[in-house]
Amino acid sequence: QVTLVESGGGLVQPGGSLRVSCTASGSVDSTYVRAWYRQAPGKQREFVASISTGNSITYADFAKGRFTISRSNVKNRVDLQMTSLQPEDTTVYSCRHSDSRATLWGQGTQVTVSS
């Protein structure tokens, strides 16, 4: 069984940067896709970025040029580096892990962009 833990959220000023991480533990397949989504209150959840173990990467249009998703040197961890953050980026960011056996979600981490 795989569990996901997100970390790294917090408060940042407009124009600032923040990194959120998603670490999987347990019986992690050697092949998987890890993705970040975000959902603001009253809005639909939206895709942010994804990366596969084959390093296939996809970004939402709003993330291109500002966000970078990568597989960390830390085993089974995927990072999302966010730059040029704006107040509209304020929301809960959640990690999704998909492999041959299951798709599961982390608990989410709050990112707040405010002066």
Protein backbone atom coordinates (compact mmCIF):
# COMPACT_ATOMS: atom_id res chain seq x y z
CA GLN A 1 0.00 0.00 0.00
CA VAL A 2 1.24 3.46 -0.93
CA THR A 3 0.75 6.61 1.11
CA LEU A 4 1.45 10.16 0.00
CA VAL A 5 2.61 13.06 2.09
CA GLU A 6 2.80 16.60 0.78
CA SER A 7 4.98 19.23 2.36
CA GLY A 8 6.39 22.67 1.77
CA GLY A 9 3.30 24.82 1.55
CA GLY A 10 3.08 28.12 3.38
CA LEU A 11 2.85 31.87 3.05
CA VAL A 12 4.79 33.75 0.43
CA GLN A 13 4.68 37.33 -0.85
CA PRO A 14 3.56 38.11 -4.41
CA GLY A 15 6.41 37.51 -6.81
CA GLY A 16 7.99 35.02 -4.45
CA SER A 17 8.83 31.35 -4.82
CA LEU A 18 7.86 28.20 -2.99
CA ARG A 19 8.53 24.52 -3.37
CA VAL A 20 6.02 21.83 -2.50
CA SER A 21 6.98 18.18 -2.33
CA CYS A 22 5.13 14.89 -2.57
CA THR A 23 6.73 11.83 -1.04
CA ALA A 24 5.38 8.33 -1.50
CA SER A 25 6.05 5.55 0.94
CA GLY A 26 5.18 1.87 0.92
CA SER A 27 5.07 -0.45 -2.08
CA VAL A 28 5.73 2.06 -4.84
CA ASP A 29 5.75 0.68 -8.37
CA SER A 30 8.81 1.34 -10.47
CA THR A 31 6.52 2.94 -13.06
CA TYR A 32 4.13 5.71 -12.07
CA VAL A 33 2.80 9.13 -12.85
CA ARG A 34 2.81 11.81 -10.16
CA ALA A 35 0.76 14.93 -10.63
CA TRP A 36 -0.10 18.13 -8.83
CA TYR A 37 -3.58 19.60 -8.77
CA ARG A 38 -5.02 22.58 -6.99
CA GLN A 39 -8.49 23.52 -5.85
CA ALA A 40 -9.67 26.81 -4.46
CA PRO A 41 -12.86 26.99 -2.35
CA GLY A 42 -15.92 26.92 -4.57
CA LYS A 43 -13.94 26.10 -7.68
CA GLN A 44 -13.23 22.92 -9.59
CA ARG A 45 -9.99 21.13 -9.06
CA GLU A 46 -7.52 21.97 -11.80
CA PHE A 47 -4.47 20.21 -13.13
CA VAL A 48 -1.12 21.89 -12.51
CA ALA A 49 1.63 19.56 -13.73
CA SER A 50 2.60 15.92 -14.02
CA ILE A 51 5.71 13.82 -14.42
CA SER A 52 6.21 10.15 -15.17
CA THR A 53 9.03 7.83 -14.25
CA GLY A 54 10.03 8.12 -17.90
CA ASN A 55 10.32 11.88 -17.32
CA SER A 56 7.40 12.78 -19.53
CA ILE A 57 6.28 16.19 -18.23
CA THR A 58 3.08 18.12 -18.80
CA TYR A 59 2.08 21.57 -17.53
CA ALA A 60 -1.15 23.49 -17.41
CA ASP A 61 -0.97 26.68 -19.44
CA PHE A 62 -0.92 28.87 -16.32
CA ALA A 63 2.04 26.89 -14.96
CA LYS A 64 4.26 27.04 -18.03
CA GLY A 65 7.28 29.22 -17.47
CA ARG A 66 6.58 29.66 -13.76
CA PHE A 67 6.35 26.16 -12.28
CA THR A 68 8.80 23.30 -12.60
CA ILE A 69 7.99 19.71 -11.70
CA SER A 70 10.84 17.30 -11.11
CA ARG A 71 11.74 13.99 -9.56
CA SER A 72 13.92 14.62 -6.54
CA ASN A 73 17.11 12.80 -5.64
CA VAL A 74 15.18 11.79 -2.55
CA LYS A 75 13.63 8.44 -3.32
CA ASN A 76 9.99 8.55 -4.42
CA ARG A 77 9.71 12.31 -4.01
CA VAL A 78 8.42 14.70 -6.63
CA ASP A 79 8.87 18.45 -6.24
CA LEU A 80 6.94 21.35 -7.68
CA GLN A 81 8.99 24.53 -7.72
CA MET A 82 6.75 27.57 -8.10
CA THR A 83 8.05 31.01 -8.98
CA SER A 84 6.49 34.42 -9.67
CA LEU A 85 3.60 33.46 -7.42
CA GLN A 86 0.54 35.68 -7.43
CA PRO A 87 -2.47 35.92 -5.10
CA GLU A 88 -4.54 33.93 -7.59
CA ASP A 89 -2.20 30.99 -6.97
CA THR A 90 -3.50 30.81 -3.40
CA THR A 91 -5.17 27.47 -2.83
CA VAL A 92 -4.64 23.92 -1.63
CA TYR A 93 -2.19 21.94 -3.75
CA SER A 94 -2.68 18.17 -3.80
CA CYS A 95 -0.53 15.38 -5.12
CA ARG A 96 -1.89 12.42 -7.07
CA HIS A 97 -0.02 9.17 -7.60
CA SER A 98 -1.06 6.70 -10.33
CA ASP A 99 0.48 3.33 -11.03
CA SER A 100 -0.65 -0.05 -12.31
CA ARG A 101 -2.40 -0.87 -9.06
CA ALA A 102 -4.11 2.28 -7.89
CA THR A 103 -4.59 6.01 -7.99
CA LEU A 104 -4.40 7.86 -4.73
CA TRP A 105 -4.26 11.39 -3.38
CA GLY A 106 -2.37 13.12 -0.63
CA GLN A 107 -3.99 15.30 1.97
CA GLY A 108 -3.01 18.57 0.33
CA THR A 109 -0.85 21.49 1.37
CA GLN A 110 -1.96 25.12 1.59
CA VAL A 111 -0.15 27.75 -0.44
CA THR A 112 -1.01 31.36 0.36
CA VAL A 113 0.32 34.26 -1.66
CA SER A 114 -0.23 37.52 0.16
CA SER A 115 1.59 40.66 1.18
